[in-house]
Amino acid sequence: MEDMEARKESIMKTLKKYSQEHLLNGFDKLEESKQKELLDQIETTDFELINSLYNHTREDVKIPESQIAPIEYLDKDKLNGYYRSFQETGEKAIREGKLAAVTMAGGQGTRLGHSGPKGTFDIGLESHKSLFELLSDSLKEQGKKYDVIIPWFIMTSKENNADTIEFFAKRRYFGREKDKNIFFFEQGELPMVDTEGKILIGEDGLIKEAADGHGGIYEALVKNGMTKKMRELGVEWIFIGGVDNCLVKMVDPILMGIAIQKQVTAAGKSVVKANPQEKVGVFCKKNGRPSVVEYTEIPEDMAKATDERGELIYGESHILCNLFNIDAVERMGSKPLPYHTAFKKATYIDKNGNKVVPDGPNAYKFEAFLFDAFGELDDMAILRVKREEEFAPVKNASGVDSPETARELYRKFYNL
């Protein structure tokens, strides 16, 4: 106990320096294991980073137009004579076991009215298959086609890791072998702060953290030893996609063939932006390097600009379907990405020990975006694909990008 007291005293000095003393207000009410966990959390918190991120919340994000330029792309439907060549190159690499699939599945299904990991959500097909099973079926089918078992890496979060693994275990990992050709790893987290920059305490008495965004994927793959496992398996290319796109093509010989033949270390898929106002990030060149500009950061006149054919100049939507060479992933995972701020609703315990349930957004969470690492790449190939063939996301309970729209696209594609 003396050790605990000495540790607590030392930690309090740090907290005073950063005006975060409230983090220990409820310390004495916690059971010993939770006390230790809270002290561990505080000791591993980068207060300088949190301070800096909070200070940035008061700055307007403005990207000068001069930094942004359109990016070249290939249209999958217009490859003509090159199609077969790309296909053969890609198929050869897949058959040789050079591809691994990564699914980002750190989110909960809360917005869909589902309690549990988003990947366990049933989109309402007659089969009642979850998103995880639909993705598993697709991987299995491609594995049979190319006579190879494509290793599957699933990124969970602290919040849903145990539930995700339990879900897979109950279903015998859909015929896969854990730690042999299916692997689970957790993404990082960062503390949430209130509008005054104070770190929040959750209902469990611990620091309230939120996942660090899909940009944490590179660091998580490296830190958790996943790229090391991939290398042991002979993997050279890594496809990274989200769990909520039930039409995602994790195994695409055309995309692989293009990346290999063009000698680039990354390739991404795009779909044509539905309209200038669609809330999606679009591929572009930023300071001469590949990038994605978010819909919140692109000026209206740029979003509406068209070329001589009447097509949007910035119309290649980033759909979170990207292929990377393993060397690029390890390089991008070796240093942290810049963080973006999201203003969210968060229930927390205030400094007086009272539970606060907000009516609207009241706290900042910080997340990195996967595409912010594209600037590390010299070049990137972009492949335009058809929305109805490859992009059926499940993000909202109803309306656009809902289970209803995803079901319809899935049924049409598979003629169900």
Protein backbone atom coordinates (compact mmCIF):
# COMPACT_ATOMS: atom_id res chain seq x y z
CA MET A 1 0.00 0.00 0.00
CA GLU A 2 2.92 2.32 0.75
CA ASP A 3 4.16 1.79 -2.80
CA MET A 4 0.70 2.74 -4.09
CA GLU A 5 0.70 5.93 -1.97
CA ALA A 6 4.19 6.91 -3.12
CA ARG A 7 3.20 6.26 -6.73
CA LYS A 8 0.01 8.27 -6.30
CA GLU A 9 1.96 11.18 -4.83
CA SER A 10 4.43 11.19 -7.71
CA ILE A 11 1.58 11.03 -10.25
CA MET A 12 -0.22 13.94 -8.55
CA LYS A 13 2.80 16.16 -9.27
CA THR A 14 2.44 15.39 -12.97
CA LEU A 15 -1.31 16.02 -12.87
CA LYS A 16 -0.81 19.40 -11.19
CA LYS A 17 1.63 20.41 -13.90
CA TYR A 18 -1.07 19.80 -16.53
CA SER A 19 -4.10 20.91 -14.41
CA GLN A 20 -5.59 17.41 -14.51
CA GLU A 21 -5.70 16.74 -10.73
CA HIS A 22 -9.40 15.78 -10.96
CA LEU A 23 -8.36 12.41 -12.42
CA LEU A 24 -7.64 11.17 -8.89
CA ASN A 25 -10.78 12.62 -7.23
CA GLY A 26 -12.58 9.27 -7.10
CA PHE A 27 -9.44 7.21 -6.53
CA ASP A 28 -10.23 6.18 -2.93
CA LYS A 29 -13.64 4.79 -3.95
CA LEU A 30 -12.11 2.36 -6.45
CA GLU A 31 -11.18 -1.23 -5.61
CA GLU A 32 -7.44 -1.88 -5.56
CA SER A 33 -7.19 -3.46 -9.03
CA LYS A 34 -8.99 -0.46 -10.55
CA GLN A 35 -6.75 1.94 -8.62
CA LYS A 36 -3.72 0.28 -10.15
CA GLU A 37 -5.30 0.38 -13.62
CA LEU A 38 -6.04 4.11 -13.27
CA LEU A 39 -2.46 4.87 -12.17
CA ASP A 40 -1.17 2.80 -15.12
CA GLN A 41 -3.41 4.80 -17.46
CA ILE A 42 -2.21 8.13 -16.10
CA GLU A 43 1.46 7.10 -16.28
CA THR A 44 1.13 6.12 -19.94
CA THR A 45 -0.85 9.24 -20.94
CA ASP A 46 1.03 11.72 -23.10
CA PHE A 47 -0.24 14.94 -21.49
CA GLU A 48 1.83 17.14 -23.80
CA LEU A 49 0.10 15.53 -26.80
CA ILE A 50 -3.38 15.87 -25.23
CA ASN A 51 -2.69 19.56 -24.43
CA SER A 52 -1.53 20.19 -27.96
CA LEU A 53 -4.54 18.39 -29.47
CA TYR A 54 -6.94 20.34 -27.26
CA ASN A 55 -5.33 23.66 -28.25
CA HIS A 56 -5.83 22.72 -31.91
CA THR A 57 -9.58 22.32 -31.36
CA ARG A 58 -9.85 26.09 -31.33
CA GLU A 59 -8.17 26.51 -34.69
CA ASP A 60 -10.04 26.48 -38.01
CA VAL A 61 -8.76 23.82 -40.41
CA LYS A 62 -8.07 25.51 -43.72
CA ILE A 63 -6.20 23.92 -46.60
CA PRO A 64 -4.84 26.39 -49.16
CA GLU A 65 -6.11 25.58 -52.66
CA SER A 66 -2.57 25.80 -54.02
CA GLN A 67 -1.63 22.63 -52.16
CA ILE A 68 -4.34 20.53 -53.79
CA ALA A 69 -4.34 19.11 -57.33
CA PRO A 70 -6.37 16.37 -59.05
CA ILE A 71 -4.96 12.83 -59.11
CA GLU A 72 -4.81 10.48 -62.09
CA TYR A 73 -6.87 7.31 -61.97
CA LEU A 74 -7.60 4.19 -64.01
CA ASP A 75 -11.20 3.14 -64.67
CA LYS A 76 -11.67 -0.62 -64.15
CA ASP A 77 -14.24 -0.63 -66.95
CA LYS A 78 -11.91 1.05 -69.43
CA LEU A 79 -8.65 -0.86 -69.05
CA ASN A 80 -9.21 -2.54 -72.44
CA GLY A 81 -6.12 -4.51 -73.51
CA TYR A 82 -4.36 -3.90 -70.18
CA TYR A 83 -7.05 -5.73 -68.18
CA ARG A 84 -5.75 -9.24 -68.93
CA SER A 85 -2.15 -8.26 -68.24
CA PHE A 86 -2.99 -6.73 -64.83
CA GLN A 87 -5.16 -9.73 -64.01
CA GLU A 88 -2.44 -12.27 -64.78
CA THR A 89 0.16 -10.38 -62.73
CA GLY A 90 -2.21 -10.07 -59.76
CA GLU A 91 -3.42 -13.68 -59.91
CA LYS A 92 0.16 -14.97 -59.92
CA ALA A 93 1.00 -13.00 -56.73
CA ILE A 94 -2.21 -14.18 -55.01
CA ARG A 95 -1.55 -17.84 -55.88
CA GLU A 96 1.94 -17.46 -54.44
CA GLY A 97 0.44 -16.46 -51.07
CA LYS A 98 1.68 -12.87 -51.21
CA LEU A 99 -1.62 -11.28 -50.10
CA ALA A 100 -3.08 -10.78 -46.61
CA ALA A 101 -6.46 -9.23 -45.82
CA VAL A 102 -6.93 -6.79 -42.95
CA THR A 103 -10.39 -5.81 -41.68
CA MET A 104 -10.80 -2.76 -39.47
CA ALA A 105 -13.49 -3.78 -36.98
CA GLY A 106 -12.95 -1.66 -33.87
CA GLY A 107 -16.43 -0.11 -33.82
CA GLN A 108 -19.64 -0.98 -32.02
CA GLY A 109 -23.00 -1.29 -33.77
CA THR A 110 -24.61 1.41 -31.60
CA ARG A 111 -25.69 3.64 -34.50
CA LEU A 112 -27.45 0.63 -36.01
CA GLY A 113 -29.32 -0.10 -32.78
CA HIS A 114 -27.12 -3.17 -32.28
CA SER A 115 -25.43 -3.98 -28.99
CA GLY A 116 -22.13 -5.59 -29.83
CA PRO A 117 -19.25 -5.26 -32.30
CA LYS A 118 -20.37 -3.85 -35.64
CA GLY A 119 -19.01 -6.90 -37.45
CA THR A 120 -21.50 -9.13 -35.61
CA PHE A 121 -24.45 -7.16 -37.07
CA ASP A 122 -26.99 -9.07 -39.20
CA ILE A 123 -27.92 -6.82 -42.15
CA GLY A 124 -31.22 -8.64 -42.67
CA LEU A 125 -30.48 -11.12 -45.44
CA GLU A 126 -32.49 -14.37 -45.54
CA SER A 127 -29.31 -16.19 -44.44
CA HIS A 128 -29.05 -13.94 -41.34
CA LYS A 129 -25.31 -13.84 -41.85
CA SER A 130 -23.37 -11.18 -39.95
CA LEU A 131 -21.02 -8.73 -41.65
CA PHE A 132 -18.09 -10.85 -40.42
CA GLU A 133 -19.54 -13.98 -42.03
CA LEU A 134 -20.24 -12.21 -45.34
CA LEU A 135 -16.60 -11.08 -45.44
CA SER A 136 -15.42 -14.55 -44.44
CA ASP A 137 -17.48 -16.14 -47.24
CA SER A 138 -15.93 -13.79 -49.79
CA LEU A 139 -12.38 -14.58 -48.61
CA LYS A 140 -13.10 -18.31 -48.59
CA GLU A 141 -14.50 -18.20 -52.13
CA GLN A 142 -11.43 -16.34 -53.42
CA GLY A 143 -9.12 -18.71 -51.56
CA LYS A 144 -10.70 -21.67 -53.36
CA LYS A 145 -10.45 -19.87 -56.70
CA TYR A 146 -6.70 -19.32 -56.31
CA ASP A 147 -5.97 -22.49 -54.30
CA VAL A 148 -4.55 -20.58 -51.34
CA ILE A 149 -5.59 -19.69 -47.78
CA ILE A 150 -5.49 -15.91 -47.56
CA PRO A 151 -4.57 -14.97 -43.96
CA TRP A 152 -7.13 -12.69 -42.30
CA PHE A 153 -6.12 -10.06 -39.74
CA ILE A 154 -8.90 -8.38 -37.76
CA MET A 155 -8.32 -5.10 -35.92
CA THR A 156 -10.55 -4.81 -32.85
CA SER A 157 -10.66 -2.20 -30.10
CA LYS A 158 -10.28 -2.44 -26.34
CA GLU A 159 -14.05 -2.03 -26.18
CA ASN A 160 -14.96 -4.94 -28.45
CA ASN A 161 -11.94 -7.26 -28.57
CA ALA A 162 -13.24 -9.88 -26.11
CA ASP A 163 -16.73 -9.91 -27.68
CA THR A 164 -15.32 -10.22 -31.20
CA ILE A 165 -13.06 -13.15 -30.33
CA GLU A 166 -15.90 -14.87 -28.46
CA PHE A 167 -18.17 -14.42 -31.50
CA PHE A 168 -15.59 -16.06 -33.77
CA ALA A 169 -14.79 -18.83 -31.27
CA LYS A 170 -18.49 -19.81 -31.04
CA ARG A 171 -18.53 -20.14 -34.83
CA ARG A 172 -15.22 -22.03 -34.93
CA TYR A 173 -13.59 -19.07 -36.68
CA PHE A 174 -15.60 -19.89 -39.83
CA GLY A 175 -13.28 -22.79 -40.57
CA ARG A 176 -10.04 -20.92 -39.93
CA GLU A 177 -7.33 -21.62 -37.36
CA LYS A 178 -6.68 -18.91 -34.78
CA ASP A 179 -3.09 -17.62 -34.77
CA LYS A 180 -2.38 -19.63 -37.91
CA ASN A 181 -4.51 -18.00 -40.62
CA ILE A 182 -6.79 -15.72 -38.60
CA PHE A 183 -5.34 -13.14 -36.21
CA PHE A 184 -6.84 -10.51 -33.89
CA PHE A 185 -5.12 -7.35 -32.70
CA GLU A 186 -6.23 -4.15 -30.94
CA GLN A 187 -6.03 -0.58 -32.15
CA GLY A 188 -4.76 2.20 -29.92
CA GLU A 189 -6.83 4.64 -27.85
CA LEU A 190 -6.57 8.25 -26.69
CA PRO A 191 -8.27 10.04 -23.77
CA MET A 192 -11.35 12.19 -24.45
CA VAL A 193 -11.39 15.76 -23.12
CA ASP A 194 -14.15 18.25 -22.29
CA THR A 195 -14.49 21.75 -23.78
CA GLU A 196 -12.05 23.10 -21.17
CA GLY A 197 -9.38 20.52 -21.97
CA LYS A 198 -9.99 18.37 -18.90
CA ILE A 199 -9.57 14.62 -19.47
CA LEU A 200 -12.83 12.75 -18.81
CA ILE A 201 -13.36 10.02 -16.25
CA GLY A 202 -15.80 7.29 -17.31
CA GLU A 203 -18.47 5.59 -15.24
CA ASP A 204 -15.98 2.85 -14.36
CA GLY A 205 -13.75 5.42 -12.60
CA LEU A 206 -11.04 5.13 -15.25
CA ILE A 207 -9.91 7.58 -17.91
CA LYS A 208 -12.50 7.66 -20.70
CA GLU A 209 -10.73 6.74 -23.91
CA ALA A 210 -11.81 6.46 -27.52
CA ALA A 211 -10.26 4.51 -30.40
CA ASP A 212 -7.62 6.52 -32.25
CA GLY A 213 -9.30 6.25 -35.68
CA HIS A 214 -8.53 4.09 -38.71
CA GLY A 215 -5.19 5.90 -39.06
CA GLY A 216 -4.00 3.87 -36.08
CA ILE A 217 -3.99 0.77 -38.30
CA TYR A 218 -0.34 1.03 -39.38
CA GLU A 219 1.07 1.51 -35.89
CA ALA A 220 -1.23 -1.23 -34.51
CA LEU A 221 -0.10 -3.72 -37.18
CA VAL A 222 3.55 -3.04 -36.37
CA LYS A 223 3.28 -2.74 -32.55
CA ASN A 224 1.23 -5.93 -32.25
CA GLY A 225 3.70 -7.93 -34.32
CA MET A 226 1.24 -8.49 -37.17
CA THR A 227 3.58 -7.40 -39.97
CA LYS A 228 6.19 -9.76 -38.49
CA LYS A 229 3.67 -12.64 -38.73
CA MET A 230 2.83 -11.60 -42.28
CA ARG A 231 6.47 -11.73 -43.30
CA GLU A 232 6.76 -15.21 -41.76
CA LEU A 233 3.81 -16.24 -43.96
CA GLY A 234 5.47 -14.82 -47.07
CA VAL A 235 3.06 -11.90 -47.41
CA GLU A 236 4.18 -8.92 -49.51
CA TRP A 237 0.86 -7.10 -50.06
CA ILE A 238 -1.77 -6.08 -47.51
CA PHE A 239 -5.35 -5.17 -48.38
CA ILE A 240 -6.96 -2.97 -45.72
CA GLY A 241 -10.73 -2.44 -45.66
CA GLY A 242 -13.57 -1.70 -43.26
CA VAL A 243 -15.91 -4.25 -41.71
CA ASP A 244 -19.06 -2.35 -42.68
CA ASN A 245 -18.76 -2.71 -46.48
CA CYS A 246 -20.50 -6.00 -47.28
CA LEU A 247 -19.38 -5.87 -50.96
CA VAL A 248 -15.71 -5.20 -50.21
CA LYS A 249 -13.37 -7.09 -52.60
CA MET A 250 -10.41 -7.90 -50.38
CA VAL A 251 -8.92 -10.08 -53.11
CA ASP A 252 -8.68 -8.21 -56.39
CA PRO A 253 -6.05 -9.35 -58.91
CA ILE A 254 -6.61 -6.22 -61.05
CA LEU A 255 -5.73 -3.88 -58.16
CA MET A 256 -2.69 -6.03 -57.28
CA GLY A 257 -1.58 -6.28 -60.89
CA ILE A 258 -1.74 -2.50 -61.31
CA ALA A 259 0.30 -1.90 -58.13
CA ILE A 260 2.94 -4.46 -59.13
CA GLN A 261 3.24 -3.36 -62.76
CA LYS A 262 3.27 0.35 -61.97
CA GLN A 263 5.84 -0.32 -59.23
CA VAL A 264 3.97 1.71 -56.61
CA THR A 265 3.77 0.76 -52.93
CA ALA A 266 0.05 1.48 -52.63
CA ALA A 267 -3.16 1.34 -54.64
CA GLY A 268 -6.61 2.58 -53.67
CA LYS A 269 -10.13 2.12 -54.98
CA SER A 270 -12.50 4.97 -55.69
CA VAL A 271 -16.12 5.37 -56.72
CA VAL A 272 -17.45 8.46 -58.48
CA LYS A 273 -18.78 10.98 -56.00
CA ALA A 274 -22.60 10.90 -56.16
CA ASN A 275 -22.79 14.72 -56.14
CA PRO A 276 -20.57 17.66 -55.10
CA GLN A 277 -22.18 17.72 -51.62
CA GLU A 278 -21.68 14.02 -50.83
CA LYS A 279 -19.96 13.74 -47.46
CA VAL A 280 -16.92 11.74 -48.52
CA GLY A 281 -13.19 12.34 -48.75
CA VAL A 282 -11.75 12.42 -52.27
CA PHE A 283 -8.39 11.34 -53.64
CA CYS A 284 -6.09 14.17 -54.72
CA LYS A 285 -2.45 15.23 -54.86
CA LYS A 286 -1.31 17.38 -51.95
CA ASN A 287 2.07 19.05 -52.42
CA GLY A 288 2.69 16.63 -55.27
CA ARG A 289 2.03 13.51 -53.21
CA PRO A 290 -1.06 11.26 -53.03
CA SER A 291 -3.62 12.27 -50.44
CA VAL A 292 -7.30 12.46 -49.58
CA VAL A 293 -9.04 15.73 -48.82
CA GLU A 294 -11.99 15.45 -46.44
CA TYR A 295 -15.37 16.93 -47.38
CA THR A 296 -15.09 19.24 -44.35
CA GLU A 297 -11.79 20.61 -45.63
CA ILE A 298 -12.44 21.20 -49.33
CA PRO A 299 -13.71 24.64 -50.45
CA GLU A 300 -17.15 24.61 -52.12
CA ASP A 301 -15.87 25.89 -55.48
CA MET A 302 -13.32 23.05 -55.63
CA ALA A 303 -15.95 20.48 -54.68
CA LYS A 304 -18.19 21.68 -57.56
CA ALA A 305 -15.45 22.16 -60.21
CA THR A 306 -15.88 20.06 -63.37
CA ASP A 307 -13.65 19.23 -66.36
CA GLU A 308 -14.44 19.61 -70.07
CA ARG A 309 -16.47 16.36 -69.99
CA GLY A 310 -18.62 17.69 -67.14
CA GLU A 311 -17.07 15.26 -64.61
CA LEU A 312 -16.11 16.42 -61.12
CA ILE A 313 -12.40 17.24 -61.00
CA TYR A 314 -12.35 16.08 -57.38
CA GLY A 315 -14.78 13.21 -57.77
CA GLU A 316 -12.82 10.08 -56.82
CA SER A 317 -14.31 9.11 -53.44
CA HIS A 318 -12.01 7.29 -51.03
CA ILE A 319 -13.96 4.18 -49.98
CA LEU A 320 -11.47 2.74 -47.48
CA CYS A 321 -10.33 -0.04 -49.83
CA ASN A 322 -6.56 0.19 -50.10
CA LEU A 323 -3.69 -2.13 -50.94
CA PHE A 324 -0.20 -1.58 -49.52
CA ASN A 325 3.18 -3.16 -49.88
CA ILE A 326 4.28 -4.50 -46.46
CA ASP A 327 7.40 -2.26 -46.54
CA ALA A 328 5.16 0.82 -46.83
CA VAL A 329 2.96 -0.31 -43.92
CA GLU A 330 6.00 -0.79 -41.69
CA ARG A 331 7.38 2.60 -42.67
CA MET A 332 4.02 4.33 -42.05
CA GLY A 333 3.61 2.51 -38.75
CA SER A 334 6.94 3.72 -37.41
CA LYS A 335 5.77 7.26 -36.62
CA PRO A 336 2.46 8.71 -35.43
CA LEU A 337 0.08 10.47 -37.82
CA PRO A 338 -1.50 13.88 -37.23
CA TYR A 339 -4.80 13.75 -35.32
CA HIS A 340 -8.18 15.15 -36.32
CA THR A 341 -10.80 16.31 -33.83
CA ALA A 342 -14.39 15.06 -33.53
CA PHE A 343 -16.94 16.68 -31.19
CA LYS A 344 -18.97 13.85 -29.62
CA LYS A 345 -21.53 13.08 -26.94
CA ALA A 346 -19.90 11.47 -23.88
CA THR A 347 -21.32 10.39 -20.53
CA TYR A 348 -18.77 10.93 -17.78
CA ILE A 349 -18.23 11.44 -14.03
CA ASP A 350 -17.54 15.07 -13.11
CA LYS A 351 -15.01 16.29 -10.53
CA ASN A 352 -17.68 16.08 -7.79
CA GLY A 353 -18.41 12.44 -8.55
CA ASN A 354 -21.71 13.12 -10.35
CA LYS A 355 -22.70 11.31 -13.54
CA VAL A 356 -23.19 13.70 -16.48
CA VAL A 357 -25.44 12.54 -19.32
CA PRO A 358 -25.33 15.19 -22.08
CA ASP A 359 -28.11 16.14 -24.51
CA GLY A 360 -25.65 16.99 -27.26
CA PRO A 361 -21.93 16.85 -28.11
CA ASN A 362 -19.80 17.84 -25.11
CA ALA A 363 -16.37 16.25 -25.57
CA TYR A 364 -13.52 15.99 -28.03
CA LYS A 365 -12.11 12.72 -29.32
CA PHE A 366 -8.96 12.60 -31.40
CA GLU A 367 -8.43 10.26 -34.30
CA ALA A 368 -5.93 9.72 -37.06
CA PHE A 369 -7.06 9.07 -40.64
CA LEU A 370 -5.54 6.23 -42.60
CA PHE A 371 -5.05 8.41 -45.68
CA ASP A 372 -2.89 10.95 -43.83
CA ALA A 373 -0.05 8.45 -44.27
CA PHE A 374 -0.37 8.58 -48.07
CA GLY A 375 1.94 11.62 -48.05
CA GLU A 376 4.76 9.21 -47.12
CA LEU A 377 4.29 7.51 -50.50
CA ASP A 378 5.99 8.72 -53.68
CA ASP A 379 3.02 7.63 -55.74
CA MET A 380 -0.20 5.65 -55.53
CA ALA A 381 -2.38 4.00 -58.17
CA ILE A 382 -6.11 4.79 -58.05
CA LEU A 383 -8.63 2.37 -59.56
CA ARG A 384 -12.15 3.64 -60.17
CA VAL A 385 -14.71 0.88 -59.59
CA LYS A 386 -18.50 0.69 -59.73
CA ARG A 387 -20.30 1.61 -56.54
CA GLU A 388 -22.94 -1.09 -57.08
CA GLU A 389 -20.26 -3.78 -57.40
CA GLU A 390 -17.90 -2.91 -54.56
CA PHE A 391 -19.34 -0.39 -52.12
CA ALA A 392 -22.31 -1.21 -49.88
CA PRO A 393 -21.51 0.33 -46.49
CA VAL A 394 -23.68 -0.07 -43.39
CA LYS A 395 -23.27 3.13 -41.39
CA ASN A 396 -26.73 4.46 -40.54
CA ALA A 397 -29.82 2.80 -39.08
CA SER A 398 -31.95 4.07 -41.98
CA GLY A 399 -31.71 6.10 -45.19
CA VAL A 400 -28.40 6.40 -47.04
CA ASP A 401 -25.74 3.72 -46.33
CA SER A 402 -28.14 1.70 -44.14
CA PRO A 403 -28.83 -2.05 -43.79
CA GLU A 404 -31.66 -1.58 -46.30
CA THR A 405 -29.46 -0.05 -49.03
CA ALA A 406 -26.63 -2.54 -48.35
CA ARG A 407 -29.07 -5.51 -48.56
CA GLU A 408 -30.41 -4.29 -51.88
CA LEU A 409 -26.91 -3.88 -53.36
CA TYR A 410 -25.78 -7.26 -51.98
CA ARG A 411 -28.83 -9.08 -53.37
CA LYS A 412 -28.46 -7.44 -56.79
CA PHE A 413 -24.78 -8.24 -57.01
CA TYR A 414 -25.19 -11.90 -56.01
CA ASN A 415 -28.56 -12.33 -57.83
CA LEU A 416 -30.33 -13.38 -54.62
